[in-house]
C-alpha atoms as a PDB file:
ATOM      1  CA  MET A   1      52.250 -41.433 -38.122  1.00  0.00           C
ATOM      2  CA  ASN A   2      53.324 -38.231 -38.797  1.00  0.00           C
ATOM      3  CA  PRO A   3      53.711 -36.208 -35.283  1.00  0.00           C
ATOM      4  CA  LYS A   4      51.510 -33.358 -35.994  1.00  0.00           C
ATOM      5  CA  VAL A   5      48.802 -35.623 -36.685  1.00  0.00           C
ATOM      6  CA  ILE A   6      49.092 -37.611 -33.579  1.00  0.00           C
ATOM      7  CA  SER A   7      49.185 -34.460 -31.546  1.00  0.00           C
ATOM      8  CA  LYS A   8      45.754 -33.233 -33.315  1.00  0.00           C
ATOM      9  CA  HIS A   9      44.694 -37.049 -32.500  1.00  0.00           C
ATOM     10  CA  ASP A  10      45.134 -36.308 -28.810  1.00  0.00           C
ATOM     11  CA  ALA A  11      44.304 -32.954 -28.517  1.00  0.00           C
ATOM     12  CA  PHE A  12      40.908 -33.884 -30.177  1.00  0.00           C
ATOM     13  CA  ARG A  13      40.462 -37.037 -27.940  1.00  0.00           C
ATOM     14  CA  LYS A  14      40.934 -34.945 -24.723  1.00  0.00           C
ATOM     15  CA  LEU A  15      38.251 -32.498 -25.562  1.00  0.00           C
ATOM     16  CA  HIS A  16      35.785 -35.471 -25.135  1.00  0.00           C
ATOM     17  CA  GLU A  17      37.004 -36.172 -21.724  1.00  0.00           C
ATOM     18  CA  GLN A  18      35.358 -33.275 -20.021  1.00  0.00           C
ATOM     19  CA  GLY A  19      33.305 -29.999 -20.473  1.00  0.00           C
ATOM     20  CA  CYS A  20      31.288 -28.806 -23.725  1.00  0.00           C
ATOM     21  CA  PHE A  21      32.959 -27.630 -27.019  1.00  0.00           C
ATOM     22  CA  VAL A  22      31.340 -25.959 -30.078  1.00  0.00           C
ATOM     23  CA  LEU A  23      32.278 -27.698 -33.691  1.00  0.00           C
ATOM     24  CA  PRO A  24      31.552 -25.349 -36.190  1.00  0.00           C
ATOM     25  CA  ASN A  25      31.511 -26.603 -39.621  1.00  0.00           C
ATOM     26  CA  PRO A  26      33.703 -25.660 -42.823  1.00  0.00           C
ATOM     27  CA  TRP A  27      32.781 -26.406 -46.268  1.00  0.00           C
ATOM     28  CA  ASP A  28      36.218 -25.185 -48.084  1.00  0.00           C
ATOM     29  CA  VAL A  29      40.146 -24.422 -46.709  1.00  0.00           C
ATOM     30  CA  GLY A  30      39.011 -20.603 -46.945  1.00  0.00           C
ATOM     31  CA  SER A  31      35.802 -21.055 -44.443  1.00  0.00           C
ATOM     32  CA  ALA A  32      38.573 -23.711 -42.278  1.00  0.00           C
ATOM     33  CA  ARG A  33      41.123 -21.317 -41.924  1.00  0.00           C
ATOM     34  CA  MET A  34      39.183 -18.227 -41.197  1.00  0.00           C
ATOM     35  CA  LEU A  35      37.408 -20.686 -37.812  1.00  0.00           C
ATOM     36  CA  GLN A  36      40.639 -21.555 -36.802  1.00  0.00           C
ATOM     37  CA  HIS A  37      41.369 -17.623 -36.778  1.00  0.00           C
ATOM     38  CA  LEU A  38      38.328 -16.847 -35.102  1.00  0.00           C
ATOM     39  CA  GLY A  39      39.476 -19.677 -32.013  1.00  0.00           C
ATOM     40  CA  PHE A  40      37.836 -22.638 -32.751  1.00  0.00           C
ATOM     41  CA  ALA A  41      39.482 -25.812 -30.956  1.00  0.00           C
ATOM     42  CA  ALA A  42      38.519 -28.082 -33.503  1.00  0.00           C
ATOM     43  CA  LEU A  43      36.431 -28.430 -37.098  1.00  0.00           C
ATOM     44  CA  ALA A  44      33.742 -30.900 -38.348  1.00  0.00           C
ATOM     45  CA  SER A  45      33.747 -31.328 -42.479  1.00  0.00           C
ATOM     46  CA  THR A  46      29.947 -30.623 -43.606  1.00  0.00           C
ATOM     47  CA  SER A  47      28.754 -32.976 -46.322  1.00  0.00           C
ATOM     48  CA  SER A  48      25.800 -30.684 -47.333  1.00  0.00           C
ATOM     49  CA  GLY A  49      27.904 -27.793 -47.460  1.00  0.00           C
ATOM     50  CA  PHE A  50      31.134 -29.303 -49.688  1.00  0.00           C
ATOM     51  CA  ALA A  51      28.528 -30.774 -52.185  1.00  0.00           C
ATOM     52  CA  TRP A  52      27.184 -27.429 -52.628  1.00  0.00           C
ATOM     53  CA  THR A  53      30.225 -25.946 -53.050  1.00  0.00           C
ATOM     54  CA  THR A  54      30.655 -28.047 -56.307  1.00  0.00           C
ATOM     55  CA  GLY A  55      27.155 -27.549 -57.611  1.00  0.00           C
ATOM     56  CA  ARG A  56      25.443 -30.458 -56.332  1.00  0.00           C
ATOM     57  CA  PRO A  57      23.327 -31.434 -53.980  1.00  0.00           C
ATOM     58  CA  ASP A  58      23.980 -33.427 -50.701  1.00  0.00           C
ATOM     59  CA  TYR A  59      25.303 -37.301 -50.400  1.00  0.00           C
ATOM     60  CA  ALA A  60      26.096 -36.595 -54.571  1.00  0.00           C
ATOM     61  CA  VAL A  61      29.594 -36.311 -53.928  1.00  0.00           C
ATOM     62  CA  THR A  62      31.714 -39.147 -54.579  1.00  0.00           C
ATOM     63  CA  ARG A  63      34.072 -41.127 -51.983  1.00  0.00           C
ATOM     64  CA  ASP A  64      37.195 -39.987 -53.474  1.00  0.00           C
ATOM     65  CA  ASP A  65      35.362 -36.270 -53.718  1.00  0.00           C
ATOM     66  CA  VAL A  66      35.062 -36.636 -50.197  1.00  0.00           C
ATOM     67  CA  LEU A  67      38.817 -37.768 -49.541  1.00  0.00           C
ATOM     68  CA  ARG A  68      40.253 -35.153 -51.308  1.00  0.00           C
ATOM     69  CA  HIS A  69      38.492 -32.484 -49.634  1.00  0.00           C
ATOM     70  CA  LEU A  70      39.628 -34.200 -46.012  1.00  0.00           C
ATOM     71  CA  THR A  71      42.747 -34.220 -46.630  1.00  0.00           C
ATOM     72  CA  SER A  72      43.006 -30.262 -48.354  1.00  0.00           C
ATOM     73  CA  LEU A  73      40.956 -29.139 -44.636  1.00  0.00           C
ATOM     74  CA  CYS A  74      43.397 -31.379 -42.578  1.00  0.00           C
ATOM     75  CA  ASP A  75      46.479 -29.880 -44.609  1.00  0.00           C
ATOM     76  CA  ALA A  76      45.191 -26.281 -44.032  1.00  0.00           C
ATOM     77  CA  VAL A  77      44.749 -25.621 -40.576  1.00  0.00           C
ATOM     78  CA  ASP A  78      46.250 -27.108 -37.215  1.00  0.00           C
ATOM     79  CA  LEU A  79      43.029 -28.212 -35.536  1.00  0.00           C
ATOM     80  CA  PRO A  80      41.717 -31.373 -35.391  1.00  0.00           C
ATOM     81  CA  VAL A  81      39.082 -32.202 -38.332  1.00  0.00           C
ATOM     82  CA  ASN A  82      36.075 -34.819 -38.053  1.00  0.00           C
ATOM     83  CA  ALA A  83      35.037 -35.890 -40.712  1.00  0.00           C
ATOM     84  CA  ASP A  84      30.975 -36.042 -41.871  1.00  0.00           C
ATOM     85  CA  PHE A  85      32.003 -39.717 -43.699  1.00  0.00           C
ATOM     86  CA  GLU A  86      27.892 -39.970 -44.527  1.00  0.00           C
ATOM     87  CA  SER A  87      27.460 -43.434 -44.867  1.00  0.00           C
ATOM     88  CA  GLY A  88      30.929 -44.777 -45.848  1.00  0.00           C
ATOM     89  CA  PHE A  89      30.549 -44.833 -48.709  1.00  0.00           C
ATOM     90  CA  ALA A  90      29.535 -48.440 -48.762  1.00  0.00           C
ATOM     91  CA  SER A  91      26.641 -50.680 -47.804  1.00  0.00           C
ATOM     92  CA  GLU A  92      28.228 -53.794 -46.429  1.00  0.00           C
ATOM     93  CA  PRO A  93      30.790 -53.629 -43.628  1.00  0.00           C
ATOM     94  CA  GLU A  94      33.786 -54.818 -45.155  1.00  0.00           C
ATOM     95  CA  GLY A  95      33.288 -51.862 -47.287  1.00  0.00           C
ATOM     96  CA  VAL A  96      32.724 -49.433 -44.515  1.00  0.00           C
ATOM     97  CA  ALA A  97      36.135 -50.368 -42.951  1.00  0.00           C
ATOM     98  CA  ALA A  98      38.089 -50.183 -45.947  1.00  0.00           C
ATOM     99  CA  ASN A  99      36.203 -46.710 -46.463  1.00  0.00           C
ATOM    100  CA  VAL A 100      36.837 -45.614 -43.286  1.00  0.00           C
ATOM    101  CA  GLY A 101      41.063 -46.679 -43.420  1.00  0.00           C
ATOM    102  CA  LEU A 102      40.940 -44.427 -46.436  1.00  0.00           C
ATOM    103  CA  ALA A 103      39.765 -41.688 -44.348  1.00  0.00           C
ATOM    104  CA  ILE A 104      42.227 -42.248 -41.726  1.00  0.00           C
ATOM    105  CA  LYS A 105      44.787 -41.461 -44.037  1.00  0.00           C
ATOM    106  CA  THR A 106      43.515 -38.047 -44.982  1.00  0.00           C
ATOM    107  CA  GLY A 107      44.425 -36.923 -41.626  1.00  0.00           C
ATOM    108  CA  VAL A 108      40.942 -36.419 -39.845  1.00  0.00           C
ATOM    109  CA  SER A 109      41.161 -36.947 -35.928  1.00  0.00           C
ATOM    110  CA  GLY A 110      37.524 -37.782 -36.044  1.00  0.00           C
ATOM    111  CA  LEU A 111      34.600 -39.204 -38.483  1.00  0.00           C
ATOM    112  CA  SER A 112      31.217 -40.482 -38.251  1.00  0.00           C
ATOM    113  CA  ILE A 113      29.455 -42.905 -40.032  1.00  0.00           C
ATOM    114  CA  GLU A 114      25.538 -42.866 -40.369  1.00  0.00           C
ATOM    115  CA  ASP A 115      22.724 -45.147 -40.708  1.00  0.00           C
ATOM    116  CA  ARG A 116      21.414 -44.326 -43.786  1.00  0.00           C
ATOM    117  CA  LYS A 117      21.340 -46.798 -46.628  1.00  0.00           C
ATOM    118  CA  VAL A 118      23.986 -45.549 -49.460  1.00  0.00           C
ATOM    119  CA  GLU A 119      21.029 -47.224 -52.088  1.00  0.00           C
ATOM    120  CA  ALA A 120      18.289 -45.522 -50.843  1.00  0.00           C
ATOM    121  CA  ILE A 121      18.950 -42.145 -48.410  1.00  0.00           C
ATOM    122  CA  SER A 122      15.394 -41.632 -47.175  1.00  0.00           C
ATOM    123  CA  GLU A 123      15.578 -45.507 -45.731  1.00  0.00           C
ATOM    124  CA  LEU A 124      18.040 -46.698 -42.760  1.00  0.00           C
ATOM    125  CA  TYR A 125      19.614 -49.784 -41.880  1.00  0.00           C
ATOM    126  CA  SER A 126      18.051 -51.950 -39.286  1.00  0.00           C
ATOM    127  CA  VAL A 127      19.789 -52.131 -35.800  1.00  0.00           C
ATOM    128  CA  GLU A 128      21.253 -55.080 -36.199  1.00  0.00           C
ATOM    129  CA  PHE A 129      23.028 -54.364 -39.578  1.00  0.00           C
ATOM    130  CA  ALA A 130      23.806 -50.633 -38.461  1.00  0.00           C
ATOM    131  CA  VAL A 131      25.703 -52.281 -35.381  1.00  0.00           C
ATOM    132  CA  GLU A 132      27.873 -54.560 -37.937  1.00  0.00           C
ATOM    133  CA  ARG A 133      28.731 -51.361 -39.933  1.00  0.00           C
ATOM    134  CA  ILE A 134      30.033 -49.709 -36.465  1.00  0.00           C
ATOM    135  CA  HIS A 135      31.633 -52.964 -35.443  1.00  0.00           C
ATOM    136  CA  ALA A 136      33.706 -52.760 -38.961  1.00  0.00           C
ATOM    137  CA  ALA A 137      34.323 -49.062 -38.228  1.00  0.00           C
ATOM    138  CA  ARG A 138      36.045 -49.631 -34.931  1.00  0.00           C
ATOM    139  CA  LYS A 139      38.151 -52.769 -35.981  1.00  0.00           C
ATOM    140  CA  ALA A 140      39.354 -50.507 -39.329  1.00  0.00           C
ATOM    141  CA  ILE A 141      40.040 -47.657 -36.624  1.00  0.00           C
ATOM    142  CA  ASP A 142      41.807 -50.079 -34.243  1.00  0.00           C
ATOM    143  CA  GLU A 143      43.922 -52.080 -36.896  1.00  0.00           C
ATOM    144  CA  ALA A 144      45.181 -48.165 -38.266  1.00  0.00           C
ATOM    145  CA  GLY A 145      46.593 -48.334 -35.174  1.00  0.00           C
ATOM    146  CA  GLY A 146      45.610 -44.073 -34.384  1.00  0.00           C
ATOM    147  CA  ASN A 147      43.684 -42.294 -31.954  1.00  0.00           C
ATOM    148  CA  VAL A 148      40.597 -41.267 -34.341  1.00  0.00           C
ATOM    149  CA  ILE A 149      37.234 -40.623 -32.607  1.00  0.00           C
ATOM    150  CA  LEU A 150      34.774 -42.942 -34.136  1.00  0.00           C
ATOM    151  CA  VAL A 151      31.216 -41.334 -34.143  1.00  0.00           C
ATOM    152  CA  ALA A 152      28.321 -43.213 -34.769  1.00  0.00           C
ATOM    153  CA  ARG A 153      24.949 -41.290 -35.543  1.00  0.00           C
ATOM    154  CA  THR A 154      21.641 -42.149 -36.901  1.00  0.00           C
ATOM    155  CA  GLU A 155      19.381 -40.342 -39.107  1.00  0.00           C
ATOM    156  CA  GLY A 156      16.243 -41.309 -37.667  1.00  0.00           C
ATOM    157  CA  LEU A 157      14.975 -38.203 -36.209  1.00  0.00           C
ATOM    158  CA  LEU A 158      15.435 -35.958 -39.398  1.00  0.00           C
ATOM    159  CA  ILE A 159      13.029 -38.898 -41.072  1.00  0.00           C
ATOM    160  CA  ASP A 160      10.620 -39.103 -37.945  1.00  0.00           C
ATOM    161  CA  PRO A 161      11.084 -36.183 -35.636  1.00  0.00           C
ATOM    162  CA  GLY A 162       8.820 -37.785 -33.053  1.00  0.00           C
ATOM    163  CA  ALA A 163      11.279 -41.655 -32.825  1.00  0.00           C
ATOM    164  CA  VAL A 164      13.113 -40.143 -29.810  1.00  0.00           C
ATOM    165  CA  THR A 165      12.844 -43.561 -28.183  1.00  0.00           C
ATOM    166  CA  THR A 166      14.111 -45.417 -31.259  1.00  0.00           C
ATOM    167  CA  ALA A 167      16.639 -43.249 -31.873  1.00  0.00           C
ATOM    168  CA  ILE A 168      18.104 -43.491 -28.374  1.00  0.00           C
ATOM    169  CA  ASP A 169      17.801 -47.138 -28.350  1.00  0.00           C
ATOM    170  CA  LYS A 170      19.823 -46.828 -31.518  1.00  0.00           C
ATOM    171  CA  LEU A 171      22.701 -45.204 -30.013  1.00  0.00           C
ATOM    172  CA  VAL A 172      23.160 -47.795 -26.665  1.00  0.00           C
ATOM    173  CA  ALA A 173      23.632 -50.163 -29.552  1.00  0.00           C
ATOM    174  CA  PHE A 174      26.460 -48.132 -31.202  1.00  0.00           C
ATOM    175  CA  ALA A 175      27.891 -47.393 -27.835  1.00  0.00           C
ATOM    176  CA  GLU A 176      28.092 -50.812 -27.292  1.00  0.00           C
ATOM    177  CA  ALA A 177      29.448 -51.847 -30.744  1.00  0.00           C
ATOM    178  CA  GLY A 178      32.308 -49.351 -29.673  1.00  0.00           C
ATOM    179  CA  ALA A 179      31.684 -46.112 -31.002  1.00  0.00           C
ATOM    180  CA  ASP A 180      33.106 -43.213 -29.195  1.00  0.00           C
ATOM    181  CA  CYS A 181      30.856 -40.850 -29.434  1.00  0.00           C
ATOM    182  CA  LEU A 182      26.945 -40.899 -29.992  1.00  0.00           C
ATOM    183  CA  TYR A 183      24.809 -38.652 -32.474  1.00  0.00           C
ATOM    184  CA  ALA A 184      21.628 -38.090 -33.585  1.00  0.00           C
ATOM    185  CA  PRO A 185      21.008 -34.525 -35.624  1.00  0.00           C
ATOM    186  CA  GLY A 186      17.773 -33.196 -34.773  1.00  0.00           C
ATOM    187  CA  VAL A 187      16.911 -33.728 -31.219  1.00  0.00           C
ATOM    188  CA  ARG A 188      15.699 -30.476 -30.006  1.00  0.00           C
ATOM    189  CA  LYS A 189      13.905 -30.614 -26.630  1.00  0.00           C
ATOM    190  CA  LYS A 190      15.779 -30.425 -23.511  1.00  0.00           C
ATOM    191  CA  THR A 191      14.268 -33.600 -22.057  1.00  0.00           C
ATOM    192  CA  ASP A 192      14.792 -35.923 -24.874  1.00  0.00           C
ATOM    193  CA  ILE A 193      18.624 -34.760 -25.246  1.00  0.00           C
ATOM    194  CA  ALA A 194      19.108 -35.069 -21.204  1.00  0.00           C
ATOM    195  CA  GLU A 195      17.918 -38.714 -21.548  1.00  0.00           C
ATOM    196  CA  MET A 196      19.788 -39.323 -24.587  1.00  0.00           C
ATOM    197  CA  VAL A 197      22.911 -38.040 -22.603  1.00  0.00           C
ATOM    198  CA  ARG A 198      21.726 -40.672 -19.574  1.00  0.00           C
ATOM    199  CA  ALA A 199      21.668 -43.468 -21.906  1.00  0.00           C
ATOM    200  CA  VAL A 200      24.611 -43.674 -23.646  1.00  0.00           C
ATOM    201  CA  ALA A 201      26.932 -42.337 -20.418  1.00  0.00           C
ATOM    202  CA  PRO A 202      29.693 -42.145 -20.056  1.00  0.00           C
ATOM    203  CA  LYS A 203      30.699 -41.908 -23.628  1.00  0.00           C
ATOM    204  CA  PRO A 204      29.984 -38.340 -25.219  1.00  0.00           C
ATOM    205  CA  VAL A 205      27.197 -37.015 -27.222  1.00  0.00           C
ATOM    206  CA  ASN A 206      27.202 -34.367 -30.138  1.00  0.00           C
ATOM    207  CA  VAL A 207      24.008 -32.136 -30.573  1.00  0.00           C
ATOM    208  CA  LEU A 208      23.007 -30.428 -33.814  1.00  0.00           C
ATOM    209  CA  ALA A 209      22.427 -26.697 -33.242  1.00  0.00           C
ATOM    210  CA  LEU A 210      18.993 -26.376 -34.147  1.00  0.00           C
ATOM    211  CA  GLU A 211      15.613 -24.364 -33.422  1.00  0.00           C
ATOM    212  CA  PRO A 212      14.583 -23.426 -31.515  1.00  0.00           C
ATOM    213  CA  PHE A 213      18.244 -22.860 -30.443  1.00  0.00           C
ATOM    214  CA  LEU A 214      19.608 -23.971 -27.046  1.00  0.00           C
ATOM    215  CA  SER A 215      22.834 -21.701 -25.800  1.00  0.00           C
ATOM    216  CA  VAL A 216      26.235 -23.175 -25.330  1.00  0.00           C
ATOM    217  CA  ALA A 217      25.667 -23.508 -21.330  1.00  0.00           C
ATOM    218  CA  GLU A 218      21.900 -24.754 -21.743  1.00  0.00           C
ATOM    219  CA  LEU A 219      23.541 -27.728 -24.002  1.00  0.00           C
ATOM    220  CA  ALA A 220      26.699 -28.153 -21.424  1.00  0.00           C
ATOM    221  CA  ASP A 221      24.201 -28.543 -18.322  1.00  0.00           C
ATOM    222  CA  LEU A 222      22.459 -31.012 -20.006  1.00  0.00           C
ATOM    223  CA  GLY A 223      25.376 -33.265 -20.096  1.00  0.00           C
ATOM    224  CA  VAL A 224      26.446 -32.745 -23.988  1.00  0.00           C
ATOM    225  CA  ARG A 225      29.959 -32.578 -24.813  1.00  0.00           C
ATOM    226  CA  ARG A 226      29.867 -31.320 -28.309  1.00  0.00           C
ATOM    227  CA  ILE A 227      27.612 -29.400 -30.532  1.00  0.00           C
ATOM    228  CA  SER A 228      28.013 -28.961 -34.328  1.00  0.00           C
ATOM    229  CA  VAL A 229      26.038 -26.775 -36.468  1.00  0.00           C
ATOM    230  CA  GLY A 230      26.138 -29.182 -40.191  1.00  0.00           C
ATOM    231  CA  GLY A 231      25.544 -27.007 -43.083  1.00  0.00           C
ATOM    232  CA  ALA A 232      24.081 -23.984 -41.204  1.00  0.00           C
ATOM    233  CA  LEU A 233      27.651 -21.924 -41.519  1.00  0.00           C
ATOM    234  CA  ALA A 234      27.363 -22.731 -45.513  1.00  0.00           C
ATOM    235  CA  ARG A 235      23.416 -21.919 -45.928  1.00  0.00           C
ATOM    236  CA  ALA A 236      24.094 -18.227 -44.006  1.00  0.00           C
ATOM    237  CA  GLY A 237      26.784 -17.763 -46.869  1.00  0.00           C
ATOM    238  CA  TRP A 238      24.784 -18.495 -49.816  1.00  0.00           C
ATOM    239  CA  ASP A 239      21.941 -16.662 -48.171  1.00  0.00           C
ATOM    240  CA  ALA A 240      24.258 -13.519 -48.186  1.00  0.00           C
ATOM    241  CA  ILE A 241      25.124 -14.707 -51.484  1.00  0.00           C
ATOM    242  CA  ILE A 242      21.226 -14.711 -52.964  1.00  0.00           C
ATOM    243  CA  THR A 243      20.210 -12.108 -51.024  1.00  0.00           C
ATOM    244  CA  ALA A 244      22.785  -9.894 -52.599  1.00  0.00           C
ATOM    245  CA  ALA A 245      22.991 -11.204 -56.344  1.00  0.00           C
ATOM    246  CA  GLU A 246      18.802 -10.929 -56.473  1.00  0.00           C
ATOM    247  CA  GLN A 247      19.367  -7.143 -55.444  1.00  0.00           C
ATOM    248  CA  ILE A 248      22.272  -6.495 -57.992  1.00  0.00           C
ATOM    249  CA  ARG A 249      19.803  -8.435 -60.368  1.00  0.00           C
ATOM    250  CA  THR A 250      17.231  -5.640 -60.273  1.00  0.00           C
ATOM    251  CA  GLY A 251      20.056  -2.847 -60.310  1.00  0.00           C
ATOM    252  CA  SER A 252      21.033  -2.098 -57.126  1.00  0.00           C
ATOM    253  CA  PHE A 253      24.655  -2.793 -55.527  1.00  0.00           C
ATOM    254  CA  ASN A 254      23.699  -1.372 -51.968  1.00  0.00           C
ATOM    255  CA  SER A 255      23.784  -4.933 -50.940  1.00  0.00           C
ATOM    256  CA  LEU A 256      27.695  -5.284 -51.366  1.00  0.00           C
ATOM    257  CA  LYS A 257      28.249  -2.627 -48.751  1.00  0.00           C
ATOM    258  CA  GLY A 258      28.174  -5.001 -45.653  1.00  0.00           C
ATOM    259  CA  GLY A 259      31.107  -7.238 -47.064  1.00  0.00           C
ATOM    260  CA  THR A 260      34.187  -7.514 -44.875  1.00  0.00           C
ATOM    261  CA  SER A 261      37.163  -5.692 -46.507  1.00  0.00           C
ATOM    262  CA  GLY A 262      39.638  -6.934 -49.034  1.00  0.00           C
ATOM    263  CA  ARG A 263      42.125  -5.838 -46.500  1.00  0.00           C
ATOM    264  CA  GLN A 264      41.017  -7.857 -43.467  1.00  0.00           C
ATOM    265  CA  LEU A 265      40.452 -10.452 -45.449  1.00  0.00           C
ATOM    266  CA  ASN A 266      44.335 -10.762 -46.766  1.00  0.00           C
ATOM    267  CA  GLU A 267      45.779  -9.965 -43.519  1.00  0.00           C
ATOM    268  CA  ILE A 268      43.828 -12.805 -41.927  1.00  0.00           C
ATOM    269  CA  PHE A 269      45.027 -15.451 -44.720  1.00  0.00           C
ATOM    270  CA  GLY A 270      48.261 -14.119 -45.203  1.00  0.00           C
ATOM    271  CA  GLY A 271      49.067 -15.697 -41.693  1.00  0.00           C
ATOM    272  CA  PHE A 272      48.836 -18.973 -42.714  1.00  0.00           C
ATOM    273  CA  ALA A 273      51.400 -20.685 -44.598  1.00  0.00           C
ATOM    274  CA  GLN A 274      50.380 -20.318 -47.821  1.00  0.00           C
ATOM    275  CA  THR A 275      50.728 -23.717 -49.613  1.00  0.00           C
ATOM    276  CA  PRO A 276      49.038 -24.942 -52.994  1.00  0.00           C
ATOM    277  CA  GLN A 277      45.545 -26.397 -52.601  1.00  0.00           C
ATOM    278  CA  GLY A 278      44.369 -28.583 -54.789  1.00  0.00           C
END
């Protein structure tokens, strides 16, 4: 394996050993490089943010689309990248394992597998079948001989915000199945977050930043190891574009006054090795 990739893997795993870190979610090479420039220690892809750059909704991109995207992100930055790998782009455990193997080859230092059904994303796999899929992903990572972090996530709270106990039980099962990090996007209350952390300890928990927003310090005090923002940065960017474009459509260009200067952007991106991006 490439020594640079191994170094990223080691650095990413070390981040999970203690403390709390923020894992922002770029949606393309430019946003990834900007986040590296701003001083973050690691990045995570966003399925929704990437899909929107292609003019498609979330869950409408293909496995090969995502593999190319992950390769571009990993090649573009010196930071570890955690892949939002949706549901593994396969239902059966054997398919998940094969696709995880392909994802590892992109250079990612971590990847998440959801429990949403590939064929019906508004539904979740049963605990038993979801655990089989996590076992398969774990085996694929081990057989690849890498140090890639396996994140197991349940989407249950995004479907039913009140199903906290069910989500925690599923995370516990995932932890026992070999997941390195546990994630239930949608958890909001301090008491629920603390309970989730206790339930899977000593394995780390990822929390998605959601309103009402808790600070990094507050989440760290609850024992959260890592914080991600999902598609929120991409949504903020789209909001700025929509707002400015709507004003232009009505005849005003005043919304363009507040943009970052081209000179500043050129200086920032000029600091990176300029390799062609496919």
